[in-house]
């Protein structure tokens, strides 16, 4: 594997997508999480589905939701853990809302009042809106009449674990904010929350599971091997100038290769940045350079031109 260093399963936190998805497959764990986040007692009717794919048609873009479930009132909760700021999360939440809504009604349904109420929750260790709040809740309001709400049953909630308005929240909520990025025995033991301790019990169970260890390594190795392939291709072209430069170059070539593969499938810049969890500005620059080489996409020529493009900025 060269010098790629894998984070051990035991060192992952809830903010890491692999651990988050595995923990949230447990109904009690997902109930505990959203109950704390929304500061409301939630009782789920259905077992959570993780990595759920939604697509209106084969020709249109699909979305993949981290966790989806429904409570006893048929309200749908769908939750995303987002470790990287891709710069497009506001509009991404809009797309997810639209795709979910379409999936909730049977074809030909004309009674739109049958549409389930829904709550989209995005959790991130950064502040998307820059106001210092732990939680931002959005419901449709009227510009001309601010006290008037559209009441269409859709809510979008953005959680910022680095908020500063702690006085507005319960200690349980604040403990969870810390636990998301530090999922350790110390943080769990310092909290009086039985729901947080339940979460930690499941986290420990997954980290101790040999089966989960194998599953995690398989996912990591798929990406690591692909990166090694990119580095090898970079070296074969005689571009390595020292060990560190060679590694950085190989990784950049692999990123370009990944972007180009998605461009051939008609993906947008925003979709590519989201799926690769990369900065949208970087992806946009690569796409701009790669456009000249469509549809065949010579990765190494794109890399050469990209380097010149960046150096001339």
C-alpha atoms as a PDB file:
ATOM      1  CA  UNK A   1       0.000   0.000   0.000  1.00  0.00           C
ATOM      2  CA  UNK A   2       3.018   2.309  -0.154  1.00  0.00           C
ATOM      3  CA  UNK A   3       2.801   5.161   2.321  1.00  0.00           C
ATOM      4  CA  UNK A   4      -0.960   5.442   2.519  1.00  0.00           C
ATOM      5  CA  UNK A   5      -1.948   5.375   6.176  1.00  0.00           C
ATOM      6  CA  UNK A   6      -5.351   4.019   7.042  1.00  0.00           C
ATOM      7  CA  UNK A   7      -7.178   5.347  10.088  1.00  0.00           C
ATOM      8  CA  UNK A   8      -7.903   2.340  12.267  1.00  0.00           C
ATOM      9  CA  UNK A   9     -11.529   1.396  12.754  1.00  0.00           C
ATOM     10  CA  UNK A  10     -10.977   1.834  16.493  1.00  0.00           C
ATOM     11  CA  UNK A  11      -9.950   5.468  15.897  1.00  0.00           C
ATOM     12  CA  UNK A  12     -12.984   6.472  13.824  1.00  0.00           C
ATOM     13  CA  UNK A  13     -15.565   8.893  15.195  1.00  0.00           C
ATOM     14  CA  UNK A  14     -19.256   9.293  14.381  1.00  0.00           C
ATOM     15  CA  UNK A  15     -18.312  12.081  11.988  1.00  0.00           C
ATOM     16  CA  UNK A  16     -16.686   9.415   9.778  1.00  0.00           C
ATOM     17  CA  UNK A  17     -19.211   8.131   7.259  1.00  0.00           C
ATOM     18  CA  UNK A  18     -18.366   4.422   7.608  1.00  0.00           C
ATOM     19  CA  UNK A  19     -18.890   4.342  11.375  1.00  0.00           C
ATOM     20  CA  UNK A  20     -21.927   6.627  11.202  1.00  0.00           C
ATOM     21  CA  UNK A  21     -23.729   4.424   8.677  1.00  0.00           C
ATOM     22  CA  UNK A  22     -22.973   1.214  10.557  1.00  0.00           C
ATOM     23  CA  UNK A  23     -24.120   2.624  13.904  1.00  0.00           C
ATOM     24  CA  UNK A  24     -27.306   4.122  12.458  1.00  0.00           C
ATOM     25  CA  UNK A  25     -28.476   0.812  11.038  1.00  0.00           C
ATOM     26  CA  UNK A  26     -29.563   0.105  14.610  1.00  0.00           C
ATOM     27  CA  UNK A  27     -33.061   1.479  15.218  1.00  0.00           C
ATOM     28  CA  UNK A  28     -32.471   2.506  18.835  1.00  0.00           C
ATOM     29  CA  UNK A  29     -29.254   4.299  17.894  1.00  0.00           C
ATOM     30  CA  UNK A  30     -30.930   6.306  15.134  1.00  0.00           C
ATOM     31  CA  UNK A  31     -33.863   7.112  17.428  1.00  0.00           C
ATOM     32  CA  UNK A  32     -31.418   8.317  20.074  1.00  0.00           C
ATOM     33  CA  UNK A  33     -29.496  10.476  17.621  1.00  0.00           C
ATOM     34  CA  UNK A  34     -32.410  12.331  16.057  1.00  0.00           C
ATOM     35  CA  UNK A  35     -34.227  12.655  19.388  1.00  0.00           C
ATOM     36  CA  UNK A  36     -31.208  14.477  20.831  1.00  0.00           C
ATOM     37  CA  UNK A  37     -30.610  16.580  17.706  1.00  0.00           C
ATOM     38  CA  UNK A  38     -34.237  17.727  17.481  1.00  0.00           C
ATOM     39  CA  UNK A  39     -34.732  17.770  21.275  1.00  0.00           C
ATOM     40  CA  UNK A  40     -37.917  15.796  20.839  1.00  0.00           C
ATOM     41  CA  UNK A  41     -38.813  12.199  21.623  1.00  0.00           C
ATOM     42  CA  UNK A  42     -38.837  10.279  18.314  1.00  0.00           C
ATOM     43  CA  UNK A  43     -40.192   6.729  17.999  1.00  0.00           C
ATOM     44  CA  UNK A  44     -39.408   5.026  14.710  1.00  0.00           C
ATOM     45  CA  UNK A  45     -41.803   2.754  12.885  1.00  0.00           C
ATOM     46  CA  UNK A  46     -39.323   1.324  10.375  1.00  0.00           C
ATOM     47  CA  UNK A  47     -35.758   0.033  10.612  1.00  0.00           C
ATOM     48  CA  UNK A  48     -33.303   2.643   9.275  1.00  0.00           C
ATOM     49  CA  UNK A  49     -31.988   2.164   5.753  1.00  0.00           C
ATOM     50  CA  UNK A  50     -28.421   3.290   5.094  1.00  0.00           C
ATOM     51  CA  UNK A  51     -26.853   4.310   1.771  1.00  0.00           C
ATOM     52  CA  UNK A  52     -30.346   4.443   0.267  1.00  0.00           C
ATOM     53  CA  UNK A  53     -30.315   5.367  -3.427  1.00  0.00           C
ATOM     54  CA  UNK A  54     -33.051   7.504  -4.977  1.00  0.00           C
ATOM     55  CA  UNK A  55     -33.391   8.118  -8.700  1.00  0.00           C
ATOM     56  CA  UNK A  56     -36.392   9.522 -10.577  1.00  0.00           C
ATOM     57  CA  UNK A  57     -35.302   7.902 -13.863  1.00  0.00           C
ATOM     58  CA  UNK A  58     -32.169   6.210 -15.276  1.00  0.00           C
ATOM     59  CA  UNK A  59     -31.356   9.387 -17.220  1.00  0.00           C
ATOM     60  CA  UNK A  60     -31.394  11.684 -14.202  1.00  0.00           C
ATOM     61  CA  UNK A  61     -28.988  12.104 -11.326  1.00  0.00           C
ATOM     62  CA  UNK A  62     -29.355   9.762  -8.366  1.00  0.00           C
ATOM     63  CA  UNK A  63     -28.831  10.703  -4.727  1.00  0.00           C
ATOM     64  CA  UNK A  64     -27.626   8.447  -1.939  1.00  0.00           C
ATOM     65  CA  UNK A  65     -28.919   9.154   1.557  1.00  0.00           C
ATOM     66  CA  UNK A  66     -26.864   8.114   4.587  1.00  0.00           C
ATOM     67  CA  UNK A  67     -29.816   7.122   6.799  1.00  0.00           C
ATOM     68  CA  UNK A  68     -33.581   7.080   6.203  1.00  0.00           C
ATOM     69  CA  UNK A  69     -36.423   5.987   8.472  1.00  0.00           C
ATOM     70  CA  UNK A  70     -40.027   6.785   9.356  1.00  0.00           C
ATOM     71  CA  UNK A  71     -41.660   7.468  12.712  1.00  0.00           C
ATOM     72  CA  UNK A  72     -45.050   6.272  13.948  1.00  0.00           C
ATOM     73  CA  UNK A  73     -46.810   9.297  12.456  1.00  0.00           C
ATOM     74  CA  UNK A  74     -45.326   8.387   9.023  1.00  0.00           C
ATOM     75  CA  UNK A  75     -42.949  11.347   9.104  1.00  0.00           C
ATOM     76  CA  UNK A  76     -39.755  10.578   7.197  1.00  0.00           C
ATOM     77  CA  UNK A  77     -36.329  11.429   8.617  1.00  0.00           C
ATOM     78  CA  UNK A  78     -33.285  11.406   6.411  1.00  0.00           C
ATOM     79  CA  UNK A  79     -29.886  12.248   7.840  1.00  0.00           C
ATOM     80  CA  UNK A  80     -26.513  13.016   6.294  1.00  0.00           C
ATOM     81  CA  UNK A  81     -23.120  13.105   8.000  1.00  0.00           C
ATOM     82  CA  UNK A  82     -20.876  15.525   6.091  1.00  0.00           C
ATOM     83  CA  UNK A  83     -17.251  15.714   7.184  1.00  0.00           C
ATOM     84  CA  UNK A  84     -16.028  17.864   4.255  1.00  0.00           C
ATOM     85  CA  UNK A  85     -17.347  21.249   3.200  1.00  0.00           C
ATOM     86  CA  UNK A  86     -17.939  20.795  -0.542  1.00  0.00           C
ATOM     87  CA  UNK A  87     -19.332  24.310  -0.911  1.00  0.00           C
ATOM     88  CA  UNK A  88     -22.674  23.121  -2.293  1.00  0.00           C
ATOM     89  CA  UNK A  89     -24.500  21.788   0.747  1.00  0.00           C
ATOM     90  CA  UNK A  90     -27.393  24.250   0.708  1.00  0.00           C
ATOM     91  CA  UNK A  91     -28.443  23.312  -2.829  1.00  0.00           C
ATOM     92  CA  UNK A  92     -27.564  19.687  -2.212  1.00  0.00           C
ATOM     93  CA  UNK A  93     -30.189  19.630   0.554  1.00  0.00           C
ATOM     94  CA  UNK A  94     -32.696  21.065  -1.917  1.00  0.00           C
ATOM     95  CA  UNK A  95     -32.008  18.260  -4.408  1.00  0.00           C
ATOM     96  CA  UNK A  96     -32.304  15.619  -1.700  1.00  0.00           C
ATOM     97  CA  UNK A  97     -35.625  17.084  -0.577  1.00  0.00           C
ATOM     98  CA  UNK A  98     -36.961  17.017  -4.148  1.00  0.00           C
ATOM     99  CA  UNK A  99     -35.824  13.442  -4.820  1.00  0.00           C
ATOM    100  CA  UNK A 100     -37.246  12.170  -1.561  1.00  0.00           C
ATOM    101  CA  UNK A 101     -40.604  13.874  -2.164  1.00  0.00           C
ATOM    102  CA  UNK A 102     -40.934  12.288  -5.599  1.00  0.00           C
ATOM    103  CA  UNK A 103     -40.160   8.855  -4.153  1.00  0.00           C
ATOM    104  CA  UNK A 104     -42.886   9.145  -1.496  1.00  0.00           C
ATOM    105  CA  UNK A 105     -45.862   9.148  -3.878  1.00  0.00           C
ATOM    106  CA  UNK A 106     -47.051   6.327  -6.090  1.00  0.00           C
ATOM    107  CA  UNK A 107     -47.081   7.046  -9.859  1.00  0.00           C
ATOM    108  CA  UNK A 108     -50.358   8.679 -10.887  1.00  0.00           C
ATOM    109  CA  UNK A 109     -51.197   9.964  -7.397  1.00  0.00           C
ATOM    110  CA  UNK A 110     -53.159  13.210  -7.619  1.00  0.00           C
ATOM    111  CA  UNK A 111     -53.828  13.786  -3.921  1.00  0.00           C
ATOM    112  CA  UNK A 112     -50.644  15.590  -2.862  1.00  0.00           C
ATOM    113  CA  UNK A 113     -51.874  15.764   0.705  1.00  0.00           C
ATOM    114  CA  UNK A 114     -50.779  12.119   0.944  1.00  0.00           C
ATOM    115  CA  UNK A 115     -47.155  13.327   0.824  1.00  0.00           C
ATOM    116  CA  UNK A 116     -45.430  12.418   4.087  1.00  0.00           C
ATOM    117  CA  UNK A 117     -44.070  15.088   6.365  1.00  0.00           C
ATOM    118  CA  UNK A 118     -40.284  15.017   6.228  1.00  0.00           C
ATOM    119  CA  UNK A 119     -37.230  16.223   8.104  1.00  0.00           C
ATOM    120  CA  UNK A 120     -33.808  16.451   6.454  1.00  0.00           C
ATOM    121  CA  UNK A 121     -30.898  16.649   8.914  1.00  0.00           C
ATOM    122  CA  UNK A 122     -27.343  17.430   7.824  1.00  0.00           C
ATOM    123  CA  UNK A 123     -24.641  17.098  10.488  1.00  0.00           C
ATOM    124  CA  UNK A 124     -21.262  18.769   9.963  1.00  0.00           C
ATOM    125  CA  UNK A 125     -18.220  19.743  12.058  1.00  0.00           C
ATOM    126  CA  UNK A 126     -18.282  23.228  10.511  1.00  0.00           C
ATOM    127  CA  UNK A 127     -20.636  26.179  10.197  1.00  0.00           C
ATOM    128  CA  UNK A 128     -22.294  26.365   6.761  1.00  0.00           C
ATOM    129  CA  UNK A 129     -24.021  29.670   7.515  1.00  0.00           C
ATOM    130  CA  UNK A 130     -21.396  31.411   9.628  1.00  0.00           C
ATOM    131  CA  UNK A 131     -23.713  32.575  12.410  1.00  0.00           C
ATOM    132  CA  UNK A 132     -22.183  30.489  15.188  1.00  0.00           C
ATOM    133  CA  UNK A 133     -25.332  28.445  15.848  1.00  0.00           C
ATOM    134  CA  UNK A 134     -25.383  24.763  16.736  1.00  0.00           C
ATOM    135  CA  UNK A 135     -28.629  24.224  14.839  1.00  0.00           C
ATOM    136  CA  UNK A 136     -30.293  25.958  11.900  1.00  0.00           C
ATOM    137  CA  UNK A 137     -33.914  24.932  11.203  1.00  0.00           C
ATOM    138  CA  UNK A 138     -35.564  26.004   7.961  1.00  0.00           C
ATOM    139  CA  UNK A 139     -39.297  26.005   7.254  1.00  0.00           C
ATOM    140  CA  UNK A 140     -41.025  27.924   4.464  1.00  0.00           C
ATOM    141  CA  UNK A 141     -41.965  31.436   5.572  1.00  0.00           C
ATOM    142  CA  UNK A 142     -43.511  34.345   3.685  1.00  0.00           C
ATOM    143  CA  UNK A 143     -41.264  37.331   2.959  1.00  0.00           C
ATOM    144  CA  UNK A 144     -44.185  39.766   3.091  1.00  0.00           C
ATOM    145  CA  UNK A 145     -45.710  38.171   6.167  1.00  0.00           C
ATOM    146  CA  UNK A 146     -42.875  36.595   8.234  1.00  0.00           C
ATOM    147  CA  UNK A 147     -45.231  35.059  10.799  1.00  0.00           C
ATOM    148  CA  UNK A 148     -46.956  33.079   7.999  1.00  0.00           C
ATOM    149  CA  UNK A 149     -45.542  29.619   7.277  1.00  0.00           C
ATOM    150  CA  UNK A 150     -46.327  27.536   4.219  1.00  0.00           C
ATOM    151  CA  UNK A 151     -46.833  24.426   6.400  1.00  0.00           C
ATOM    152  CA  UNK A 152     -46.051  21.992   3.592  1.00  0.00           C
ATOM    153  CA  UNK A 153     -44.627  19.463   6.047  1.00  0.00           C
ATOM    154  CA  UNK A 154     -40.976  19.814   4.972  1.00  0.00           C
ATOM    155  CA  UNK A 155     -38.208  20.845   7.373  1.00  0.00           C
ATOM    156  CA  UNK A 156     -34.474  21.129   6.751  1.00  0.00           C
ATOM    157  CA  UNK A 157     -32.119  21.114   9.751  1.00  0.00           C
ATOM    158  CA  UNK A 158     -28.387  21.833   9.631  1.00  0.00           C
ATOM    159  CA  UNK A 159     -26.291  20.841  12.648  1.00  0.00           C
ATOM    160  CA  UNK A 160     -22.960  22.564  13.314  1.00  0.00           C
ATOM    161  CA  UNK A 161     -21.006  20.698  16.016  1.00  0.00           C
ATOM    162  CA  UNK A 162     -18.805  23.772  16.497  1.00  0.00           C
ATOM    163  CA  UNK A 163     -21.604  26.123  17.562  1.00  0.00           C
ATOM    164  CA  UNK A 164     -21.192  28.754  20.277  1.00  0.00           C
ATOM    165  CA  UNK A 165     -24.764  29.277  21.579  1.00  0.00           C
ATOM    166  CA  UNK A 166     -24.601  26.539  24.193  1.00  0.00           C
ATOM    167  CA  UNK A 167     -26.993  28.385  26.494  1.00  0.00           C
ATOM    168  CA  UNK A 168     -29.836  27.580  24.077  1.00  0.00           C
ATOM    169  CA  UNK A 169     -29.446  23.801  24.317  1.00  0.00           C
ATOM    170  CA  UNK A 170     -29.666  20.948  26.777  1.00  0.00           C
ATOM    171  CA  UNK A 171     -26.499  19.406  28.192  1.00  0.00           C
ATOM    172  CA  UNK A 172     -27.402  16.188  26.390  1.00  0.00           C
ATOM    173  CA  UNK A 173     -27.353  18.020  23.048  1.00  0.00           C
ATOM    174  CA  UNK A 174     -24.000  19.660  23.865  1.00  0.00           C
ATOM    175  CA  UNK A 175     -22.528  16.319  24.930  1.00  0.00           C
ATOM    176  CA  UNK A 176     -23.568  14.827  21.597  1.00  0.00           C
ATOM    177  CA  UNK A 177     -21.910  17.712  19.724  1.00  0.00           C
ATOM    178  CA  UNK A 178     -18.614  16.789  21.352  1.00  0.00           C
ATOM    179  CA  UNK A 179     -19.167  13.040  20.974  1.00  0.00           C
ATOM    180  CA  UNK A 180     -19.721  13.266  17.196  1.00  0.00           C
ATOM    181  CA  UNK A 181     -16.102  14.283  16.662  1.00  0.00           C
ATOM    182  CA  UNK A 182     -14.670  12.535  19.746  1.00  0.00           C
ATOM    183  CA  UNK A 183     -16.461   9.187  20.014  1.00  0.00           C
ATOM    184  CA  UNK A 184     -14.474   7.958  23.005  1.00  0.00           C
ATOM    185  CA  UNK A 185     -15.030   6.317  26.373  1.00  0.00           C
ATOM    186  CA  UNK A 186     -13.961   9.526  28.101  1.00  0.00           C
ATOM    187  CA  UNK A 187     -16.598  11.682  26.412  1.00  0.00           C
ATOM    188  CA  UNK A 188     -19.301   9.044  26.890  1.00  0.00           C
ATOM    189  CA  UNK A 189     -18.509   8.560  30.579  1.00  0.00           C
ATOM    190  CA  UNK A 190     -18.527  12.308  31.229  1.00  0.00           C
ATOM    191  CA  UNK A 191     -22.146  12.529  30.039  1.00  0.00           C
ATOM    192  CA  UNK A 192     -25.258  11.687  32.045  1.00  0.00           C
ATOM    193  CA  UNK A 193     -27.266  10.999  28.865  1.00  0.00           C
ATOM    194  CA  UNK A 194     -28.552   7.428  28.643  1.00  0.00           C
ATOM    195  CA  UNK A 195     -29.181   7.937  24.925  1.00  0.00           C
ATOM    196  CA  UNK A 196     -25.585   8.981  24.295  1.00  0.00           C
ATOM    197  CA  UNK A 197     -24.356   5.992  26.277  1.00  0.00           C
ATOM    198  CA  UNK A 198     -26.568   3.769  24.111  1.00  0.00           C
ATOM    199  CA  UNK A 199     -24.921   5.250  21.021  1.00  0.00           C
ATOM    200  CA  UNK A 200     -21.481   4.631  22.477  1.00  0.00           C
ATOM    201  CA  UNK A 201     -22.347   1.035  23.328  1.00  0.00           C
ATOM    202  CA  UNK A 202     -23.147   0.422  19.658  1.00  0.00           C
ATOM    203  CA  UNK A 203     -20.028   2.307  18.545  1.00  0.00           C
ATOM    204  CA  UNK A 204     -17.874   0.054  20.754  1.00  0.00           C
ATOM    205  CA  UNK A 205     -19.646  -3.046  19.454  1.00  0.00           C
ATOM    206  CA  UNK A 206     -18.894  -2.116  15.840  1.00  0.00           C
ATOM    207  CA  UNK A 207     -15.283  -1.199  16.570  1.00  0.00           C
ATOM    208  CA  UNK A 208     -14.782  -4.555  18.306  1.00  0.00           C
ATOM    209  CA  UNK A 209     -16.398  -6.569  15.493  1.00  0.00           C
ATOM    210  CA  UNK A 210     -13.988  -8.597  13.368  1.00  0.00           C
ATOM    211  CA  UNK A 211     -16.559  -8.661  10.568  1.00  0.00           C
ATOM    212  CA  UNK A 212     -16.790  -4.853  10.614  1.00  0.00           C
ATOM    213  CA  UNK A 213     -13.015  -4.622  10.646  1.00  0.00           C
ATOM    214  CA  UNK A 214     -12.832  -6.660   7.451  1.00  0.00           C
ATOM    215  CA  UNK A 215     -15.630  -4.636   5.823  1.00  0.00           C
ATOM    216  CA  UNK A 216     -13.894  -1.367   6.703  1.00  0.00           C
ATOM    217  CA  UNK A 217     -10.535  -2.540   5.352  1.00  0.00           C
ATOM    218  CA  UNK A 218     -12.129  -3.728   2.124  1.00  0.00           C
ATOM    219  CA  UNK A 219     -13.651  -0.287   1.551  1.00  0.00           C
ATOM    220  CA  UNK A 220     -10.402   1.455   2.378  1.00  0.00           C
ATOM    221  CA  UNK A 221      -8.304  -0.857   0.198  1.00  0.00           C
ATOM    222  CA  UNK A 222     -10.477  -0.212  -2.849  1.00  0.00           C
ATOM    223  CA  UNK A 223      -9.586   3.470  -2.643  1.00  0.00           C
ATOM    224  CA  UNK A 224      -5.973   2.860  -1.636  1.00  0.00           C
ATOM    225  CA  UNK A 225      -5.310   0.531  -4.577  1.00  0.00           C
ATOM    226  CA  UNK A 226      -6.811   3.044  -6.964  1.00  0.00           C
ATOM    227  CA  UNK A 227      -4.554   5.764  -5.560  1.00  0.00           C
ATOM    228  CA  UNK A 228      -1.517   3.525  -5.905  1.00  0.00           C
ATOM    229  CA  UNK A 229      -2.491   2.964  -9.533  1.00  0.00           C
ATOM    230  CA  UNK A 230      -2.538   6.707 -10.060  1.00  0.00           C
ATOM    231  CA  UNK A 231       0.904   7.083  -8.489  1.00  0.00           C
ATOM    232  CA  UNK A 232       2.318   4.255 -10.610  1.00  0.00           C
ATOM    233  CA  UNK A 233       0.992   5.880 -13.761  1.00  0.00           C
ATOM    234  CA  UNK A 234       2.589   9.166 -12.733  1.00  0.00           C
ATOM    235  CA  UNK A 235       5.961   7.507 -12.184  1.00  0.00           C
ATOM    236  CA  UNK A 236       5.793   5.633 -15.482  1.00  0.00           C
ATOM    237  CA  UNK A 237       5.558   8.958 -17.266  1.00  0.00           C
ATOM    238  CA  UNK A 238       8.777  10.110 -15.628  1.00  0.00           C
ATOM    239  CA  UNK A 239       7.182  12.891 -13.630  1.00  0.00           C
ATOM    240  CA  UNK A 240       8.314  11.978 -10.142  1.00  0.00           C
ATOM    241  CA  UNK A 241      10.608  14.603  -8.628  1.00  0.00           C
ATOM    242  CA  UNK A 242      11.299  13.245  -5.204  1.00  0.00           C
ATOM    243  CA  UNK A 243       9.200  11.023  -2.996  1.00  0.00           C
ATOM    244  CA  UNK A 244       6.768  13.631  -1.662  1.00  0.00           C
ATOM    245  CA  UNK A 245       6.218  15.269  -5.047  1.00  0.00           C
ATOM    246  CA  UNK A 246       5.641  11.873  -6.616  1.00  0.00           C
ATOM    247  CA  UNK A 247       3.012  10.990  -4.056  1.00  0.00           C
ATOM    248  CA  UNK A 248       1.211  14.318  -4.442  1.00  0.00           C
ATOM    249  CA  UNK A 249       1.377  14.051  -8.226  1.00  0.00           C
ATOM    250  CA  UNK A 250       0.045  10.513  -8.260  1.00  0.00           C
ATOM    251  CA  UNK A 251      -2.873  11.463  -6.033  1.00  0.00           C
ATOM    252  CA  UNK A 252      -3.682  14.466  -8.222  1.00  0.00           C
ATOM    253  CA  UNK A 253      -3.604  12.297 -11.357  1.00  0.00           C
ATOM    254  CA  UNK A 254      -5.907   9.807  -9.679  1.00  0.00           C
ATOM    255  CA  UNK A 255      -8.288  12.632  -8.755  1.00  0.00           C
ATOM    256  CA  UNK A 256      -8.245  13.853 -12.373  1.00  0.00           C
ATOM    257  CA  UNK A 257      -8.919  10.300 -13.540  1.00  0.00           C
ATOM    258  CA  UNK A 258     -11.872  10.002 -11.157  1.00  0.00           C
ATOM    259  CA  UNK A 259     -13.286  13.356 -12.275  1.00  0.00           C
ATOM    260  CA  UNK A 260     -12.993  12.412 -15.959  1.00  0.00           C
ATOM    261  CA  UNK A 261     -14.793   9.111 -15.429  1.00  0.00           C
ATOM    262  CA  UNK A 262     -17.690  10.992 -13.887  1.00  0.00           C
ATOM    263  CA  UNK A 263     -17.659  13.576 -16.673  1.00  0.00           C
ATOM    264  CA  UNK A 264     -18.156  10.775 -19.191  1.00  0.00           C
ATOM    265  CA  UNK A 265     -21.330   9.861 -17.288  1.00  0.00           C
ATOM    266  CA  UNK A 266     -22.655  13.404 -17.627  1.00  0.00           C
ATOM    267  CA  UNK A 267     -22.131  14.365 -13.969  1.00  0.00           C
ATOM    268  CA  UNK A 268     -22.158  18.048 -13.033  1.00  0.00           C
ATOM    269  CA  UNK A 269     -19.352  19.828 -11.198  1.00  0.00           C
ATOM    270  CA  UNK A 270     -21.496  19.944  -8.052  1.00  0.00           C
ATOM    271  CA  UNK A 271     -22.316  16.228  -8.243  1.00  0.00           C
ATOM    272  CA  UNK A 272     -18.670  15.272  -8.771  1.00  0.00           C
ATOM    273  CA  UNK A 273     -17.500  17.388  -5.825  1.00  0.00           C
ATOM    274  CA  UNK A 274     -20.175  15.813  -3.639  1.00  0.00           C
ATOM    275  CA  UNK A 275     -19.471  12.215  -4.654  1.00  0.00           C
ATOM    276  CA  UNK A 276     -15.683  12.544  -4.361  1.00  0.00           C
ATOM    277  CA  UNK A 277     -16.010  14.722  -1.222  1.00  0.00           C
ATOM    278  CA  UNK A 278     -13.594  17.260  -2.665  1.00  0.00           C
ATOM    279  CA  UNK A 279     -13.554  21.070  -2.686  1.00  0.00           C
ATOM    280  CA  UNK A 280     -15.919  22.289  -5.391  1.00  0.00           C
ATOM    281  CA  UNK A 281     -13.410  24.945  -6.526  1.00  0.00           C
ATOM    282  CA  UNK A 282     -10.745  22.293  -7.197  1.00  0.00           C
ATOM    283  CA  UNK A 283     -13.211  20.092  -9.082  1.00  0.00           C
ATOM    284  CA  UNK A 284     -14.421  23.060 -11.148  1.00  0.00           C
ATOM    285  CA  UNK A 285     -10.828  23.873 -12.152  1.00  0.00           C
ATOM    286  CA  UNK A 286     -10.139  20.280 -13.188  1.00  0.00           C
ATOM    287  CA  UNK A 287     -13.359  20.153 -15.199  1.00  0.00           C
ATOM    288  CA  UNK A 288     -12.475  23.420 -16.905  1.00  0.00           C
ATOM    289  CA  UNK A 289      -9.103  22.053 -18.022  1.00  0.00           C
ATOM    290  CA  UNK A 290     -10.464  18.602 -18.907  1.00  0.00           C
ATOM    291  CA  UNK A 291     -13.136  20.055 -21.201  1.00  0.00           C
ATOM    292  CA  UNK A 292     -10.512  20.600 -23.918  1.00  0.00           C
ATOM    293  CA  UNK A 293      -9.680  16.881 -23.954  1.00  0.00           C
ATOM    294  CA  UNK A 294     -13.237  15.491 -24.130  1.00  0.00           C
ATOM    295  CA  UNK A 295     -14.433  12.884 -24.838  1.00  0.00           C
ATOM    296  CA  UNK A 296     -11.267  10.744 -24.646  1.00  0.00           C
ATOM    297  CA  UNK A 297      -9.633  12.500 -21.662  1.00  0.00           C
ATOM    298  CA  UNK A 298      -5.862  11.957 -21.605  1.00  0.00           C
ATOM    299  CA  UNK A 299      -5.257  12.058 -17.846  1.00  0.00           C
ATOM    300  CA  UNK A 300      -1.581  12.962 -18.070  1.00  0.00           C
ATOM    301  CA  UNK A 301      -2.034  15.753 -20.585  1.00  0.00           C
ATOM    302  CA  UNK A 302      -4.855  17.105 -18.457  1.00  0.00           C
ATOM    303  CA  UNK A 303      -2.547  16.976 -15.437  1.00  0.00           C
ATOM    304  CA  UNK A 304       0.189  18.883 -17.285  1.00  0.00           C
ATOM    305  CA  UNK A 305      -2.210  21.580 -18.386  1.00  0.00           C
ATOM    306  CA  UNK A 306      -3.816  21.711 -14.946  1.00  0.00           C
ATOM    307  CA  UNK A 307      -0.411  22.360 -13.322  1.00  0.00           C
ATOM    308  CA  UNK A 308       0.200  25.240 -15.748  1.00  0.00           C
ATOM    309  CA  UNK A 309      -3.304  26.543 -15.146  1.00  0.00           C
ATOM    310  CA  UNK A 310      -2.768  26.610 -11.371  1.00  0.00           C
ATOM    311  CA  UNK A 311       0.696  28.182 -11.614  1.00  0.00           C
ATOM    312  CA  UNK A 312      -0.669  31.003 -13.793  1.00  0.00           C
ATOM    313  CA  UNK A 313      -3.560  31.883 -11.470  1.00  0.00           C
END
